[in-house]
Amino acid sequence: MQELIKQLQQFAAERDWDQFHSPKNLSMALAVEASELLEIFQWMQESESLAPDSATRARISDELADVFVYCLLMCNKLDIDLLEAARHKLQKNAEKYPAEKVKGSPKKYNEY
């Protein structure tokens, strides 16, 4: 992960883009990329989304990569360890959504 972050920093430095990489701008870029991912699935049937054709799969892969890159850039800018943050959030979700209470239910934690 650190090697990828270094590559992203170098890529931005070579283009003098770090000046644009404020948390505000990165969060907006992340939202845009997530929206582009969402757009791919917008009118698909459930079955189509589970088995996209190779061209669609390539587009999905590109958009997921963009989302991931912006997450990494933002975490780097704010000195957040993304893996540790994900582990911590998983633990919080395990407490919020105990399996014995929510298994098989799509309800939100305050609805069960």
N, C-alpha and C. Protein backbone atom coordinates (compact mmCIF):
# COMPACT_ATOMS: atom_id res chain seq x y z
N MET A 1 0.83 -1.19 0.00
CA MET A 1 0.00 0.00 0.00
C MET A 1 0.89 1.26 0.00
N GLN A 2 1.92 1.23 0.83
CA GLN A 2 2.81 2.40 0.89
C GLN A 2 3.50 2.66 -0.45
N GLU A 3 3.84 1.60 -1.15
CA GLU A 3 4.48 1.77 -2.46
C GLU A 3 3.52 2.44 -3.44
N LEU A 4 2.27 2.04 -3.42
CA LEU A 4 1.27 2.67 -4.29
C LEU A 4 1.09 4.14 -3.91
N ILE A 5 1.06 4.44 -2.64
CA ILE A 5 0.93 5.84 -2.20
C ILE A 5 2.11 6.65 -2.71
N LYS A 6 3.31 6.11 -2.63
CA LYS A 6 4.49 6.80 -3.15
C LYS A 6 4.37 7.05 -4.64
N GLN A 7 3.87 6.06 -5.38
CA GLN A 7 3.68 6.22 -6.82
C GLN A 7 2.64 7.31 -7.11
N LEU A 8 1.59 7.35 -6.32
CA LEU A 8 0.57 8.39 -6.51
C LEU A 8 1.13 9.77 -6.21
N GLN A 9 1.93 9.86 -5.15
CA GLN A 9 2.56 11.14 -4.82
C GLN A 9 3.49 11.60 -5.93
N GLN A 10 4.27 10.68 -6.48
CA GLN A 10 5.19 11.01 -7.56
C GLN A 10 4.42 11.45 -8.81
N PHE A 11 3.36 10.73 -9.13
CA PHE A 11 2.52 11.07 -10.27
C PHE A 11 2.00 12.50 -10.13
N ALA A 12 1.48 12.83 -8.96
CA ALA A 12 0.94 14.17 -8.72
C ALA A 12 2.05 15.22 -8.74
N ALA A 13 3.19 14.89 -8.14
CA ALA A 13 4.31 15.85 -8.09
C ALA A 13 4.83 16.18 -9.49
N GLU A 14 4.93 15.17 -10.33
CA GLU A 14 5.41 15.38 -11.70
C GLU A 14 4.50 16.31 -12.49
N ARG A 15 3.27 16.40 -12.10
CA ARG A 15 2.29 17.22 -12.80
C ARG A 15 1.93 18.50 -12.01
N ASP A 16 2.57 18.68 -10.86
CA ASP A 16 2.28 19.80 -9.96
C ASP A 16 0.80 19.85 -9.58
N TRP A 17 0.25 18.68 -9.28
CA TRP A 17 -1.16 18.58 -8.92
C TRP A 17 -1.41 18.57 -7.42
N ASP A 18 -0.38 18.41 -6.61
CA ASP A 18 -0.61 18.35 -5.17
C ASP A 18 -1.29 19.62 -4.67
N GLN A 19 -1.04 20.73 -5.33
CA GLN A 19 -1.67 21.99 -4.94
C GLN A 19 -3.20 21.92 -5.00
N PHE A 20 -3.71 20.98 -5.78
CA PHE A 20 -5.16 20.82 -5.92
C PHE A 20 -5.72 19.73 -5.01
N HIS A 21 -4.85 19.02 -4.32
CA HIS A 21 -5.26 17.86 -3.54
C HIS A 21 -5.57 18.19 -2.08
N SER A 22 -6.43 19.15 -1.89
CA SER A 22 -6.91 19.44 -0.53
C SER A 22 -7.94 18.37 -0.17
N PRO A 23 -8.17 18.14 1.12
CA PRO A 23 -9.22 17.18 1.49
C PRO A 23 -10.58 17.53 0.87
N LYS A 24 -10.90 18.80 0.78
CA LYS A 24 -12.16 19.23 0.17
C LYS A 24 -12.22 18.78 -1.28
N ASN A 25 -11.19 19.07 -2.04
CA ASN A 25 -11.18 18.70 -3.46
C ASN A 25 -11.13 17.19 -3.66
N LEU A 26 -10.34 16.52 -2.84
CA LEU A 26 -10.26 15.06 -2.96
C LEU A 26 -11.58 14.40 -2.63
N SER A 27 -12.30 14.93 -1.63
CA SER A 27 -13.60 14.33 -1.30
C SER A 27 -14.59 14.53 -2.43
N MET A 28 -14.53 15.67 -3.10
CA MET A 28 -15.42 15.89 -4.24
C MET A 28 -15.04 14.98 -5.40
N ALA A 29 -13.75 14.82 -5.66
CA ALA A 29 -13.31 13.93 -6.73
C ALA A 29 -13.73 12.49 -6.43
N LEU A 30 -13.63 12.10 -5.18
CA LEU A 30 -14.06 10.76 -4.77
C LEU A 30 -15.55 10.56 -5.04
N ALA A 31 -16.35 11.56 -4.71
CA ALA A 31 -17.79 11.47 -4.95
C ALA A 31 -18.10 11.39 -6.44
N VAL A 32 -17.39 12.14 -7.25
CA VAL A 32 -17.59 12.10 -8.70
C VAL A 32 -17.27 10.71 -9.24
N GLU A 33 -16.14 10.14 -8.80
CA GLU A 33 -15.76 8.81 -9.29
C GLU A 33 -16.75 7.75 -8.82
N ALA A 34 -17.22 7.86 -7.58
CA ALA A 34 -18.23 6.92 -7.09
C ALA A 34 -19.51 7.05 -7.90
N SER A 35 -19.85 8.26 -8.29
CA SER A 35 -21.03 8.48 -9.13
C SER A 35 -20.85 7.87 -10.52
N GLU A 36 -19.63 7.93 -11.04
CA GLU A 36 -19.38 7.32 -12.35
C GLU A 36 -19.51 5.80 -12.26
N LEU A 37 -19.11 5.24 -11.14
CA LEU A 37 -19.31 3.80 -10.91
C LEU A 37 -20.80 3.49 -10.83
N LEU A 38 -21.53 4.29 -10.09
CA LEU A 38 -22.97 4.12 -9.95
C LEU A 38 -23.68 4.20 -11.31
N GLU A 39 -23.21 5.11 -12.14
CA GLU A 39 -23.84 5.30 -13.45
C GLU A 39 -23.77 4.02 -14.30
N ILE A 40 -22.69 3.28 -14.17
CA ILE A 40 -22.55 2.03 -14.93
C ILE A 40 -23.69 1.07 -14.60
N PHE A 41 -24.07 1.04 -13.33
CA PHE A 41 -25.09 0.09 -12.86
C PHE A 41 -26.52 0.64 -12.90
N GLN A 42 -26.67 1.91 -13.22
CA GLN A 42 -27.94 2.60 -13.06
C GLN A 42 -29.15 1.86 -13.60
N TRP A 43 -29.10 1.36 -14.79
CA TRP A 43 -30.28 0.74 -15.38
C TRP A 43 -30.15 -0.76 -15.58
N MET A 44 -29.16 -1.36 -14.94
CA MET A 44 -28.96 -2.80 -15.06
C MET A 44 -29.97 -3.57 -14.22
N GLN A 45 -30.28 -4.76 -14.69
CA GLN A 45 -31.02 -5.70 -13.87
C GLN A 45 -30.04 -6.28 -12.84
N GLU A 46 -30.57 -6.80 -11.74
CA GLU A 46 -29.71 -7.43 -10.73
C GLU A 46 -28.81 -8.49 -11.34
N SER A 47 -29.39 -9.32 -12.20
CA SER A 47 -28.62 -10.40 -12.82
C SER A 47 -27.48 -9.87 -13.68
N GLU A 48 -27.71 -8.77 -14.38
CA GLU A 48 -26.66 -8.16 -15.20
C GLU A 48 -25.52 -7.64 -14.32
N SER A 49 -25.86 -7.07 -13.18
CA SER A 49 -24.84 -6.51 -12.30
C SER A 49 -23.94 -7.59 -11.71
N LEU A 50 -24.48 -8.80 -11.60
CA LEU A 50 -23.69 -9.91 -11.04
C LEU A 50 -22.75 -10.54 -12.07
N ALA A 51 -23.03 -10.32 -13.34
CA ALA A 51 -22.21 -10.94 -14.39
C ALA A 51 -22.04 -9.97 -15.56
N PRO A 52 -21.33 -8.87 -15.35
CA PRO A 52 -21.16 -7.90 -16.44
C PRO A 52 -20.29 -8.47 -17.56
N ASP A 53 -20.53 -7.99 -18.77
CA ASP A 53 -19.68 -8.43 -19.88
C ASP A 53 -18.28 -7.84 -19.70
N SER A 54 -17.35 -8.27 -20.51
CA SER A 54 -15.94 -7.90 -20.30
C SER A 54 -15.70 -6.39 -20.44
N ALA A 55 -16.37 -5.74 -21.36
CA ALA A 55 -16.19 -4.30 -21.52
C ALA A 55 -16.73 -3.55 -20.31
N THR A 56 -17.88 -3.96 -19.82
CA THR A 56 -18.46 -3.32 -18.63
C THR A 56 -17.61 -3.60 -17.41
N ARG A 57 -17.13 -4.81 -17.31
CA ARG A 57 -16.24 -5.17 -16.19
C ARG A 57 -14.98 -4.30 -16.19
N ALA A 58 -14.43 -4.01 -17.36
CA ALA A 58 -13.25 -3.15 -17.46
C ALA A 58 -13.58 -1.73 -17.00
N ARG A 59 -14.75 -1.22 -17.38
CA ARG A 59 -15.18 0.11 -16.92
C ARG A 59 -15.36 0.14 -15.41
N ILE A 60 -15.96 -0.92 -14.86
CA ILE A 60 -16.15 -1.02 -13.41
C ILE A 60 -14.79 -1.01 -12.72
N SER A 61 -13.87 -1.78 -13.24
CA SER A 61 -12.53 -1.85 -12.68
C SER A 61 -11.86 -0.48 -12.67
N ASP A 62 -11.97 0.25 -13.78
CA ASP A 62 -11.37 1.59 -13.85
C ASP A 62 -11.98 2.53 -12.81
N GLU A 63 -13.30 2.50 -12.67
CA GLU A 63 -13.95 3.41 -11.72
C GLU A 63 -13.63 3.03 -10.27
N LEU A 64 -13.58 1.74 -9.99
CA LEU A 64 -13.18 1.30 -8.65
C LEU A 64 -11.76 1.75 -8.35
N ALA A 65 -10.89 1.65 -9.34
CA ALA A 65 -9.51 2.11 -9.15
C ALA A 65 -9.47 3.60 -8.87
N ASP A 66 -10.27 4.38 -9.59
CA ASP A 66 -10.31 5.83 -9.34
C ASP A 66 -10.78 6.13 -7.92
N VAL A 67 -11.82 5.44 -7.47
CA VAL A 67 -12.32 5.62 -6.10
C VAL A 67 -11.22 5.29 -5.09
N PHE A 68 -10.55 4.17 -5.31
CA PHE A 68 -9.49 3.72 -4.42
C PHE A 68 -8.34 4.73 -4.38
N VAL A 69 -7.95 5.23 -5.55
CA VAL A 69 -6.87 6.21 -5.62
C VAL A 69 -7.22 7.47 -4.83
N TYR A 70 -8.43 7.98 -5.01
CA TYR A 70 -8.81 9.19 -4.27
C TYR A 70 -8.91 8.92 -2.77
N CYS A 71 -9.34 7.74 -2.39
CA CYS A 71 -9.34 7.38 -0.97
C CYS A 71 -7.91 7.40 -0.42
N LEU A 72 -7.00 6.79 -1.15
CA LEU A 72 -5.61 6.76 -0.70
C LEU A 72 -5.01 8.16 -0.62
N LEU A 73 -5.26 8.98 -1.64
CA LEU A 73 -4.73 10.35 -1.62
C LEU A 73 -5.28 11.14 -0.43
N MET A 74 -6.56 10.97 -0.16
CA MET A 74 -7.17 11.69 0.95
C MET A 74 -6.63 11.20 2.29
N CYS A 75 -6.51 9.90 2.44
CA CYS A 75 -5.94 9.34 3.67
C CYS A 75 -4.51 9.81 3.86
N ASN A 76 -3.75 9.83 2.79
CA ASN A 76 -2.37 10.29 2.88
C ASN A 76 -2.32 11.76 3.31
N LYS A 77 -3.18 12.56 2.72
CA LYS A 77 -3.21 14.00 3.03
C LYS A 77 -3.59 14.23 4.49
N LEU A 78 -4.48 13.39 5.04
CA LEU A 78 -4.96 13.57 6.41
C LEU A 78 -4.27 12.64 7.42
N ASP A 79 -3.27 11.90 6.95
CA ASP A 79 -2.51 10.98 7.80
C ASP A 79 -3.43 9.96 8.48
N ILE A 80 -4.26 9.33 7.66
CA ILE A 80 -5.17 8.27 8.12
C ILE A 80 -4.70 6.95 7.53
N ASP A 81 -4.55 5.96 8.37
CA ASP A 81 -4.20 4.61 7.92
C ASP A 81 -5.51 3.95 7.49
N LEU A 82 -5.69 3.79 6.18
CA LEU A 82 -6.96 3.30 5.65
C LEU A 82 -7.27 1.88 6.12
N LEU A 83 -6.26 1.03 6.19
CA LEU A 83 -6.50 -0.34 6.65
C LEU A 83 -6.92 -0.35 8.12
N GLU A 84 -6.27 0.45 8.93
CA GLU A 84 -6.64 0.53 10.35
C GLU A 84 -8.03 1.13 10.51
N ALA A 85 -8.33 2.15 9.72
CA ALA A 85 -9.66 2.77 9.77
C ALA A 85 -10.73 1.75 9.39
N ALA A 86 -10.46 0.93 8.38
CA ALA A 86 -11.43 -0.09 7.96
C ALA A 86 -11.62 -1.14 9.04
N ARG A 87 -10.53 -1.55 9.68
CA ARG A 87 -10.64 -2.53 10.77
C ARG A 87 -11.47 -1.96 11.91
N HIS A 88 -11.21 -0.71 12.26
CA HIS A 88 -11.93 -0.06 13.34
C HIS A 88 -13.43 0.06 13.01
N LYS A 89 -13.72 0.43 11.76
CA LYS A 89 -15.11 0.57 11.34
C LYS A 89 -15.82 -0.77 11.33
N LEU A 90 -15.13 -1.83 10.93
CA LEU A 90 -15.71 -3.16 10.96
C LEU A 90 -16.09 -3.55 12.39
N GLN A 91 -15.23 -3.24 13.34
CA GLN A 91 -15.53 -3.53 14.74
C GLN A 91 -16.75 -2.73 15.22
N LYS A 92 -16.80 -1.46 14.86
CA LYS A 92 -17.95 -0.63 15.23
C LYS A 92 -19.24 -1.20 14.63
N ASN A 93 -19.16 -1.64 13.37
CA ASN A 93 -20.35 -2.21 12.72
C ASN A 93 -20.76 -3.52 13.34
N ALA A 94 -19.80 -4.31 13.79
CA ALA A 94 -20.12 -5.58 14.47
C ALA A 94 -20.89 -5.31 15.75
N GLU A 95 -20.55 -4.24 16.44
CA GLU A 95 -21.26 -3.87 17.67
C GLU A 95 -22.63 -3.28 17.35
N LYS A 96 -22.71 -2.51 16.29
CA LYS A 96 -23.96 -1.86 15.90
C LYS A 96 -24.95 -2.85 15.29
N TYR A 97 -24.42 -3.85 14.60
CA TYR A 97 -25.25 -4.84 13.90
C TYR A 97 -24.89 -6.24 14.38
N PRO A 98 -25.30 -6.62 15.59
CA PRO A 98 -25.00 -7.98 16.06
C PRO A 98 -25.68 -9.02 15.16
N ALA A 99 -24.90 -10.00 14.74
CA ALA A 99 -25.39 -11.00 13.79
C ALA A 99 -26.67 -11.67 14.25
N GLU A 100 -26.76 -11.97 15.54
CA GLU A 100 -27.94 -12.67 16.03
C GLU A 100 -29.21 -11.82 15.93
N LYS A 101 -29.08 -10.52 15.79
CA LYS A 101 -30.25 -9.65 15.68
C LYS A 101 -30.58 -9.26 14.24
N VAL A 102 -29.57 -9.18 13.39
CA VAL A 102 -29.79 -8.62 12.06
C VAL A 102 -29.62 -9.61 10.92
N LYS A 103 -29.31 -10.83 11.22
CA LYS A 103 -29.03 -11.81 10.17
C LYS A 103 -30.19 -11.89 9.18
N GLY A 104 -29.86 -11.67 7.90
CA GLY A 104 -30.84 -11.77 6.83
C GLY A 104 -31.74 -10.54 6.67
N SER A 105 -31.49 -9.49 7.45
CA SER A 105 -32.34 -8.31 7.39
C SER A 105 -31.58 -7.10 6.83
N PRO A 106 -32.21 -6.35 5.95
CA PRO A 106 -31.57 -5.14 5.43
C PRO A 106 -31.83 -3.89 6.27
N LYS A 107 -32.50 -4.07 7.39
CA LYS A 107 -32.88 -2.92 8.22
C LYS A 107 -31.66 -2.23 8.82
N LYS A 108 -31.80 -0.96 9.03
CA LYS A 108 -30.77 -0.15 9.65
C LYS A 108 -30.73 -0.46 11.14
N TYR A 109 -29.58 -0.20 11.78
CA TYR A 109 -29.37 -0.56 13.17
C TYR A 109 -30.45 -0.04 14.13
N ASN A 110 -31.05 1.10 13.81
CA ASN A 110 -32.05 1.66 14.71
C ASN A 110 -33.47 1.20 14.37
N GLU A 111 -33.59 0.24 13.45
CA GLU A 111 -34.91 -0.25 13.05
C GLU A 111 -35.20 -1.67 13.53
N TYR A 112 -34.26 -2.33 14.18
CA TYR A 112 -34.52 -3.70 14.63
C TYR A 112 -34.69 -3.77 16.11
